[in-house]
PDB file of N, CA and C in Angstrom:
ATOM      1  N   UNK A   1      14.929 -22.395  -0.706  1.00  0.00           N
ATOM      2  CA  UNK A   1      14.520 -21.416  -1.678  1.00  0.00           C
ATOM      3  C   UNK A   1      15.473 -21.454  -2.857  1.00  0.00           C
ATOM      4  N   UNK A   2      14.945 -21.391  -4.041  1.00  0.00           N
ATOM      5  CA  UNK A   2      15.758 -21.368  -5.242  1.00  0.00           C
ATOM      6  C   UNK A   2      16.187 -19.942  -5.543  1.00  0.00           C
ATOM      7  N   UNK A   3      17.455 -19.790  -5.843  1.00  0.00           N
ATOM      8  CA  UNK A   3      17.969 -18.474  -6.194  1.00  0.00           C
ATOM      9  C   UNK A   3      18.205 -18.411  -7.687  1.00  0.00           C
ATOM     10  N   UNK A   4      17.862 -17.297  -8.280  1.00  0.00           N
ATOM     11  CA  UNK A   4      18.018 -17.090  -9.710  1.00  0.00           C
ATOM     12  C   UNK A   4      19.409 -16.534  -9.993  1.00  0.00           C
ATOM     13  N   UNK A   5      19.879 -16.800 -11.193  1.00  0.00           N
ATOM     14  CA  UNK A   5      21.143 -16.240 -11.618  1.00  0.00           C
ATOM     15  C   UNK A   5      20.956 -14.736 -11.831  1.00  0.00           C
ATOM     16  N   UNK A   6      21.998 -13.977 -11.484  1.00  0.00           N
ATOM     17  CA  UNK A   6      21.919 -12.520 -11.615  1.00  0.00           C
ATOM     18  C   UNK A   6      21.741 -12.112 -13.074  1.00  0.00           C
ATOM     19  N   UNK A   7      20.844 -11.165 -13.298  1.00  0.00           N
ATOM     20  CA  UNK A   7      20.646 -10.605 -14.621  1.00  0.00           C
ATOM     21  C   UNK A   7      21.470  -9.334 -14.744  1.00  0.00           C
ATOM     22  N   UNK A   8      22.045  -9.143 -15.916  1.00  0.00           N
ATOM     23  CA  UNK A   8      22.803  -7.919 -16.142  1.00  0.00           C
ATOM     24  C   UNK A   8      22.162  -7.131 -17.271  1.00  0.00           C
ATOM     25  N   UNK A   9      22.202  -5.828 -17.123  1.00  0.00           N
ATOM     26  CA  UNK A   9      21.670  -4.936 -18.142  1.00  0.00           C
ATOM     27  C   UNK A   9      22.568  -3.719 -18.209  1.00  0.00           C
ATOM     28  N   UNK A  10      23.139  -3.497 -19.354  1.00  0.00           N
ATOM     29  CA  UNK A  10      24.007  -2.350 -19.586  1.00  0.00           C
ATOM     30  C   UNK A  10      25.160  -2.304 -18.583  1.00  0.00           C
ATOM     31  N   UNK A  11      25.693  -3.464 -18.272  1.00  0.00           N
ATOM     32  CA  UNK A  11      26.838  -3.560 -17.382  1.00  0.00           C
ATOM     33  C   UNK A  11      26.492  -3.570 -15.907  1.00  0.00           C
ATOM     34  N   UNK A  12      25.222  -3.383 -15.549  1.00  0.00           N
ATOM     35  CA  UNK A  12      24.814  -3.387 -14.144  1.00  0.00           C
ATOM     36  C   UNK A  12      24.000  -4.625 -13.810  1.00  0.00           C
ATOM     37  N   UNK A  13      24.035  -5.027 -12.576  1.00  0.00           N
ATOM     38  CA  UNK A  13      23.300  -6.215 -12.124  1.00  0.00           C
ATOM     39  C   UNK A  13      21.908  -5.804 -11.667  1.00  0.00           C
ATOM     40  N   UNK A  14      20.905  -6.535 -12.141  1.00  0.00           N
ATOM     41  CA  UNK A  14      19.526  -6.327 -11.706  1.00  0.00           C
ATOM     42  C   UNK A  14      19.268  -7.315 -10.581  1.00  0.00           C
ATOM     43  N   UNK A  15      18.975  -6.814  -9.403  1.00  0.00           N
ATOM     44  CA  UNK A  15      18.790  -7.667  -8.232  1.00  0.00           C
ATOM     45  C   UNK A  15      17.417  -8.315  -8.235  1.00  0.00           C
ATOM     46  N   UNK A  16      17.337  -9.540  -7.715  1.00  0.00           N
ATOM     47  CA  UNK A  16      16.064 -10.225  -7.523  1.00  0.00           C
ATOM     48  C   UNK A  16      15.513  -9.828  -6.164  1.00  0.00           C
ATOM     49  N   UNK A  17      14.272  -9.372  -6.142  1.00  0.00           N
ATOM     50  CA  UNK A  17      13.618  -8.993  -4.889  1.00  0.00           C
ATOM     51  C   UNK A  17      12.299  -9.753  -4.772  1.00  0.00           C
ATOM     52  N   UNK A  18      11.815  -9.899  -3.555  1.00  0.00           N
ATOM     53  CA  UNK A  18      10.563 -10.620  -3.315  1.00  0.00           C
ATOM     54  C   UNK A  18       9.345  -9.720  -3.415  1.00  0.00           C
ATOM     55  N   UNK A  19       9.567  -8.407  -3.262  1.00  0.00           N
ATOM     56  CA  UNK A  19       8.480  -7.438  -3.370  1.00  0.00           C
ATOM     57  C   UNK A  19       8.980  -6.236  -4.150  1.00  0.00           C
ATOM     58  N   UNK A  20       8.088  -5.650  -4.945  1.00  0.00           N
ATOM     59  CA  UNK A  20       8.433  -4.446  -5.706  1.00  0.00           C
ATOM     60  C   UNK A  20       7.238  -3.506  -5.704  1.00  0.00           C
ATOM     61  N   UNK A  21       7.502  -2.227  -5.527  1.00  0.00           N
ATOM     62  CA  UNK A  21       6.436  -1.230  -5.529  1.00  0.00           C
ATOM     63  C   UNK A  21       6.302  -0.669  -6.937  1.00  0.00           C
ATOM     64  N   UNK A  22       5.100  -0.759  -7.500  1.00  0.00           N
ATOM     65  CA  UNK A  22       4.826  -0.254  -8.842  1.00  0.00           C
ATOM     66  C   UNK A  22       3.515   0.503  -8.816  1.00  0.00           C
ATOM     67  N   UNK A  23       3.558   1.790  -9.136  1.00  0.00           N
ATOM     68  CA  UNK A  23       2.391   2.668  -9.142  1.00  0.00           C
ATOM     69  C   UNK A  23       1.627   2.650  -7.819  1.00  0.00           C
ATOM     70  N   UNK A  24       2.367   2.585  -6.723  1.00  0.00           N
ATOM     71  CA  UNK A  24       1.753   2.633  -5.401  1.00  0.00           C
ATOM     72  C   UNK A  24       1.225   1.311  -4.894  1.00  0.00           C
ATOM     73  N   UNK A  25       1.422   0.225  -5.643  1.00  0.00           N
ATOM     74  CA  UNK A  25       0.957  -1.099  -5.228  1.00  0.00           C
ATOM     75  C   UNK A  25       2.171  -1.986  -5.025  1.00  0.00           C
ATOM     76  N   UNK A  26       2.223  -2.716  -3.904  1.00  0.00           N
ATOM     77  CA  UNK A  26       3.337  -3.593  -3.615  1.00  0.00           C
ATOM     78  C   UNK A  26       3.053  -4.965  -4.216  1.00  0.00           C
ATOM     79  N   UNK A  27       3.823  -5.333  -5.244  1.00  0.00           N
ATOM     80  CA  UNK A  27       3.655  -6.615  -5.923  1.00  0.00           C
ATOM     81  C   UNK A  27       4.569  -7.651  -5.288  1.00  0.00           C
ATOM     82  N   UNK A  28       4.093  -8.896  -5.186  1.00  0.00           N
ATOM     83  CA  UNK A  28       4.868  -9.979  -4.603  1.00  0.00           C
ATOM     84  C   UNK A  28       5.352 -10.922  -5.702  1.00  0.00           C
ATOM     85  N   UNK A  29       6.558 -11.434  -5.539  1.00  0.00           N
ATOM     86  CA  UNK A  29       7.107 -12.401  -6.488  1.00  0.00           C
ATOM     87  C   UNK A  29       6.549 -13.781  -6.177  1.00  0.00           C
ATOM     88  N   UNK A  30       6.325 -14.576  -7.209  1.00  0.00           N
ATOM     89  CA  UNK A  30       5.827 -15.928  -7.023  1.00  0.00           C
ATOM     90  C   UNK A  30       5.296 -16.500  -8.321  1.00  0.00           C
ATOM     91  N   UNK A  31       4.787 -17.716  -8.241  1.00  0.00           N
ATOM     92  CA  UNK A  31       4.223 -18.357  -9.434  1.00  0.00           C
ATOM     93  C   UNK A  31       2.956 -17.657  -9.907  1.00  0.00           C
ATOM     94  N   UNK A  32       2.160 -17.175  -8.982  1.00  0.00           N
ATOM     95  CA  UNK A  32       0.914 -16.477  -9.302  1.00  0.00           C
ATOM     96  C   UNK A  32       1.056 -14.996  -8.977  1.00  0.00           C
ATOM     97  N   UNK A  33       0.234 -14.195  -9.634  1.00  0.00           N
ATOM     98  CA  UNK A  33       0.229 -12.761  -9.372  1.00  0.00           C
ATOM     99  C   UNK A  33      -0.247 -12.506  -7.955  1.00  0.00           C
ATOM    100  N   UNK A  34       0.476 -11.679  -7.224  1.00  0.00           N
ATOM    101  CA  UNK A  34       0.088 -11.379  -5.854  1.00  0.00           C
ATOM    102  C   UNK A  34       0.354  -9.932  -5.491  1.00  0.00           C
ATOM    103  N   UNK A  35      -0.462  -9.409  -4.612  1.00  0.00           N
ATOM    104  CA  UNK A  35      -0.340  -8.033  -4.139  1.00  0.00           C
ATOM    105  C   UNK A  35      -0.245  -8.084  -2.623  1.00  0.00           C
ATOM    106  N   UNK A  36       0.645  -7.277  -2.069  1.00  0.00           N
ATOM    107  CA  UNK A  36       0.810  -7.214  -0.618  1.00  0.00           C
ATOM    108  C   UNK A  36      -0.239  -6.280  -0.037  1.00  0.00           C
ATOM    109  N   UNK A  37      -1.253  -6.857   0.597  1.00  0.00           N
ATOM    110  CA  UNK A  37      -2.353  -6.088   1.179  1.00  0.00           C
ATOM    111  C   UNK A  37      -1.902  -5.375   2.456  1.00  0.00           C
ATOM    112  N   UNK A  38      -0.945  -5.932   3.161  1.00  0.00           N
ATOM    113  CA  UNK A  38      -0.476  -5.349   4.417  1.00  0.00           C
ATOM    114  C   UNK A  38       0.036  -3.923   4.208  1.00  0.00           C
ATOM    115  N   UNK A  39       0.672  -3.681   3.081  1.00  0.00           N
ATOM    116  CA  UNK A  39       1.188  -2.348   2.769  1.00  0.00           C
ATOM    117  C   UNK A  39       0.046  -1.332   2.670  1.00  0.00           C
ATOM    118  N   UNK A  40      -1.039  -1.701   1.996  1.00  0.00           N
ATOM    119  CA  UNK A  40      -2.178  -0.796   1.855  1.00  0.00           C
ATOM    120  C   UNK A  40      -2.896  -0.595   3.189  1.00  0.00           C
ATOM    121  N   UNK A  41      -3.005  -1.658   3.981  1.00  0.00           N
ATOM    122  CA  UNK A  41      -3.666  -1.538   5.282  1.00  0.00           C
ATOM    123  C   UNK A  41      -2.878  -0.639   6.227  1.00  0.00           C
ATOM    124  N   UNK A  42      -1.563  -0.745   6.214  1.00  0.00           N
ATOM    125  CA  UNK A  42      -0.768   0.102   7.108  1.00  0.00           C
ATOM    126  C   UNK A  42      -0.875   1.574   6.710  1.00  0.00           C
ATOM    127  N   UNK A  43      -0.941   1.854   5.404  1.00  0.00           N
ATOM    128  CA  UNK A  43      -1.149   3.238   4.965  1.00  0.00           C
ATOM    129  C   UNK A  43      -2.527   3.749   5.386  1.00  0.00           C
ATOM    130  N   UNK A  44      -3.538   2.890   5.308  1.00  0.00           N
ATOM    131  CA  UNK A  44      -4.884   3.274   5.730  1.00  0.00           C
ATOM    132  C   UNK A  44      -4.908   3.618   7.218  1.00  0.00           C
ATOM    133  N   UNK A  45      -4.340   2.748   8.049  1.00  0.00           N
ATOM    134  CA  UNK A  45      -4.372   2.992   9.491  1.00  0.00           C
ATOM    135  C   UNK A  45      -3.552   4.219   9.871  1.00  0.00           C
ATOM    136  N   UNK A  46      -2.464   4.469   9.184  1.00  0.00           N
ATOM    137  CA  UNK A  46      -1.667   5.671   9.441  1.00  0.00           C
ATOM    138  C   UNK A  46      -2.486   6.923   9.136  1.00  0.00           C
ATOM    139  N   UNK A  47      -3.159   6.918   8.000  1.00  0.00           N
ATOM    140  CA  UNK A  47      -3.998   8.056   7.628  1.00  0.00           C
ATOM    141  C   UNK A  47      -5.187   8.202   8.574  1.00  0.00           C
ATOM    142  N   UNK A  48      -5.825   7.085   8.918  1.00  0.00           N
ATOM    143  CA  UNK A  48      -6.973   7.113   9.830  1.00  0.00           C
ATOM    144  C   UNK A  48      -6.576   7.679  11.187  1.00  0.00           C
ATOM    145  N   UNK A  49      -5.443   7.238  11.726  1.00  0.00           N
ATOM    146  CA  UNK A  49      -4.999   7.732  13.032  1.00  0.00           C
ATOM    147  C   UNK A  49      -4.688   9.222  12.985  1.00  0.00           C
ATOM    148  N   UNK A  50      -4.129   9.689  11.870  1.00  0.00           N
ATOM    149  CA  UNK A  50      -3.844  11.117  11.733  1.00  0.00           C
ATOM    150  C   UNK A  50      -5.125  11.939  11.718  1.00  0.00           C
ATOM    151  N   UNK A  51      -6.111  11.493  10.945  1.00  0.00           N
ATOM    152  CA  UNK A  51      -7.388  12.208  10.870  1.00  0.00           C
ATOM    153  C   UNK A  51      -8.098  12.156  12.218  1.00  0.00           C
ATOM    154  N   UNK A  52      -8.143  10.985  12.821  1.00  0.00           N
ATOM    155  CA  UNK A  52      -8.866  10.826  14.078  1.00  0.00           C
ATOM    156  C   UNK A  52      -8.210  11.621  15.208  1.00  0.00           C
ATOM    157  N   UNK A  53      -6.901  11.730  15.184  1.00  0.00           N
ATOM    158  CA  UNK A  53      -6.203  12.512  16.201  1.00  0.00           C
ATOM    159  C   UNK A  53      -6.585  13.991  16.109  1.00  0.00           C
ATOM    160  N   UNK A  54      -6.745  14.499  14.884  1.00  0.00           N
ATOM    161  CA  UNK A  54      -7.069  15.908  14.686  1.00  0.00           C
ATOM    162  C   UNK A  54      -8.504  16.241  15.056  1.00  0.00           C
ATOM    163  N   UNK A  55      -9.424  15.293  14.875  1.00  0.00           N
ATOM    164  CA  UNK A  55     -10.842  15.589  15.094  1.00  0.00           C
ATOM    165  C   UNK A  55     -11.412  14.788  16.269  1.00  0.00           C
ATOM    166  N   UNK A  56     -10.582  14.390  17.200  1.00  0.00           N
ATOM    167  CA  UNK A  56     -11.031  13.556  18.316  1.00  0.00           C
ATOM    168  C   UNK A  56     -12.076  14.252  19.175  1.00  0.00           C
ATOM    169  N   UNK A  57     -11.988  15.555  19.278  1.00  0.00           N
ATOM    170  CA  UNK A  57     -12.932  16.298  20.119  1.00  0.00           C
ATOM    171  C   UNK A  57     -14.167  16.756  19.366  1.00  0.00           C
ATOM    172  N   UNK A  58     -14.237  16.477  18.100  1.00  0.00           N
ATOM    173  CA  UNK A  58     -15.381  16.896  17.285  1.00  0.00           C
ATOM    174  C   UNK A  58     -16.617  16.087  17.701  1.00  0.00           C
ATOM    175  N   UNK A  59     -17.707  16.760  17.921  1.00  0.00           N
ATOM    176  CA  UNK A  59     -18.922  16.095  18.380  1.00  0.00           C
ATOM    177  C   UNK A  59     -19.780  15.571  17.234  1.00  0.00           C
ATOM    178  N   UNK A  60     -19.505  16.003  16.026  1.00  0.00           N
ATOM    179  CA  UNK A  60     -20.315  15.613  14.889  1.00  0.00           C
ATOM    180  C   UNK A  60     -19.686  14.386  14.207  1.00  0.00           C
ATOM    181  N   UNK A  61     -20.358  13.236  14.330  1.00  0.00           N
ATOM    182  CA  UNK A  61     -19.834  11.992  13.771  1.00  0.00           C
ATOM    183  C   UNK A  61     -19.810  12.005  12.244  1.00  0.00           C
ATOM    184  N   UNK A  62     -20.739  12.764  11.634  1.00  0.00           N
ATOM    185  CA  UNK A  62     -20.778  12.824  10.176  1.00  0.00           C
ATOM    186  C   UNK A  62     -19.546  13.522   9.603  1.00  0.00           C
ATOM    187  N   UNK A  63     -19.030  14.503  10.314  1.00  0.00           N
ATOM    188  CA  UNK A  63     -17.816  15.184   9.877  1.00  0.00           C
ATOM    189  C   UNK A  63     -16.632  14.227   9.935  1.00  0.00           C
ATOM    190  N   UNK A  64     -16.533  13.482  11.023  1.00  0.00           N
ATOM    191  CA  UNK A  64     -15.450  12.502  11.167  1.00  0.00           C
ATOM    192  C   UNK A  64     -15.552  11.436  10.083  1.00  0.00           C
ATOM    193  N   UNK A  65     -16.747  10.940   9.840  1.00  0.00           N
ATOM    194  CA  UNK A  65     -16.944   9.921   8.818  1.00  0.00           C
ATOM    195  C   UNK A  65     -16.592  10.438   7.428  1.00  0.00           C
ATOM    196  N   UNK A  66     -16.967  11.672   7.136  1.00  0.00           N
ATOM    197  CA  UNK A  66     -16.643  12.261   5.831  1.00  0.00           C
ATOM    198  C   UNK A  66     -15.136  12.430   5.660  1.00  0.00           C
ATOM    199  N   UNK A  67     -14.454  12.859   6.704  1.00  0.00           N
ATOM    200  CA  UNK A  67     -13.008  13.021   6.621  1.00  0.00           C
ATOM    201  C   UNK A  67     -12.296  11.681   6.435  1.00  0.00           C
ATOM    202  N   UNK A  68     -12.736  10.666   7.156  1.00  0.00           N
ATOM    203  CA  UNK A  68     -12.136   9.333   7.005  1.00  0.00           C
ATOM    204  C   UNK A  68     -12.410   8.793   5.611  1.00  0.00           C
ATOM    205  N   UNK A  69     -13.613   8.994   5.108  1.00  0.00           N
ATOM    206  CA  UNK A  69     -13.949   8.536   3.764  1.00  0.00           C
ATOM    207  C   UNK A  69     -13.129   9.275   2.711  1.00  0.00           C
ATOM    208  N   UNK A  70     -12.899  10.548   2.914  1.00  0.00           N
ATOM    209  CA  UNK A  70     -12.166  11.350   1.932  1.00  0.00           C
ATOM    210  C   UNK A  70     -10.672  11.078   1.944  1.00  0.00           C
ATOM    211  N   UNK A  71     -10.077  10.959   3.126  1.00  0.00           N
ATOM    212  CA  UNK A  71      -8.631  10.882   3.229  1.00  0.00           C
ATOM    213  C   UNK A  71      -8.092   9.469   3.421  1.00  0.00           C
ATOM    214  N   UNK A  72      -8.782   8.616   4.139  1.00  0.00           N
ATOM    215  CA  UNK A  72      -8.229   7.307   4.491  1.00  0.00           C
ATOM    216  C   UNK A  72      -8.693   6.185   3.568  1.00  0.00           C
ATOM    217  N   UNK A  73      -9.928   6.219   3.168  1.00  0.00           N
ATOM    218  CA  UNK A  73     -10.475   5.125   2.364  1.00  0.00           C
ATOM    219  C   UNK A  73      -9.756   4.918   1.031  1.00  0.00           C
ATOM    220  N   UNK A  74      -9.301   5.966   0.342  1.00  0.00           N
ATOM    221  CA  UNK A  74      -8.585   5.721  -0.920  1.00  0.00           C
ATOM    222  C   UNK A  74      -7.340   4.858  -0.769  1.00  0.00           C
ATOM    223  N   UNK A  75      -6.690   4.874   0.390  1.00  0.00           N
ATOM    224  CA  UNK A  75      -5.535   3.998   0.594  1.00  0.00           C
ATOM    225  C   UNK A  75      -5.938   2.530   0.540  1.00  0.00           C
ATOM    226  N   UNK A  76      -7.110   2.220   1.056  1.00  0.00           N
ATOM    227  CA  UNK A  76      -7.586   0.829   1.034  1.00  0.00           C
ATOM    228  C   UNK A  76      -8.088   0.420  -0.350  1.00  0.00           C
ATOM    229  N   UNK A  77      -8.762   1.306  -1.035  1.00  0.00           N
ATOM    230  CA  UNK A  77      -9.431   0.950  -2.271  1.00  0.00           C
ATOM    231  C   UNK A  77      -8.601   1.197  -3.525  1.00  0.00           C
ATOM    232  N   UNK A  78      -7.393   1.749  -3.367  1.00  0.00           N
ATOM    233  CA  UNK A  78      -6.561   2.045  -4.529  1.00  0.00           C
ATOM    234  C   UNK A  78      -6.212   0.765  -5.272  1.00  0.00           C
ATOM    235  N   UNK A  79      -6.552   0.711  -6.513  1.00  0.00           N
ATOM    236  CA  UNK A  79      -6.199  -0.377  -7.431  1.00  0.00           C
ATOM    237  C   UNK A  79      -6.883  -1.714  -7.082  1.00  0.00           C
ATOM    238  N   UNK A  80      -7.982  -1.679  -6.353  1.00  0.00           N
ATOM    239  CA  UNK A  80      -8.680  -2.935  -6.056  1.00  0.00           C
ATOM    240  C   UNK A  80      -9.506  -3.424  -7.233  1.00  0.00           C
ATOM    241  N   UNK A  81      -9.874  -2.536  -8.137  1.00  0.00           N
ATOM    242  CA  UNK A  81     -10.645  -2.981  -9.277  1.00  0.00           C
ATOM    243  C   UNK A  81      -9.797  -3.738 -10.291  1.00  0.00           C
ATOM    244  N   UNK A  82      -8.468  -3.596 -10.201  1.00  0.00           N
ATOM    245  CA  UNK A  82      -7.597  -4.347 -11.116  1.00  0.00           C
ATOM    246  C   UNK A  82      -7.459  -5.760 -10.610  1.00  0.00           C
TER     247      UNK A  82
END
């Protein structure tokens, strides 16, 4: 792996990182633009498990589906249109 020379700004060193979080999206370093999908998927599953744990005994599937769509789906679909 090639290492870059340290950049300095106002007397401080700016570190090189392989991933950076910007506006809730995890960006990956590389030659091409890349987004870390694993970060969004883990947030989705965390939210889904929380919702499903609370409504596990609910007999109405439409209520469960509406809650998952309202609370969990935005984690997956955030910034996908960009």
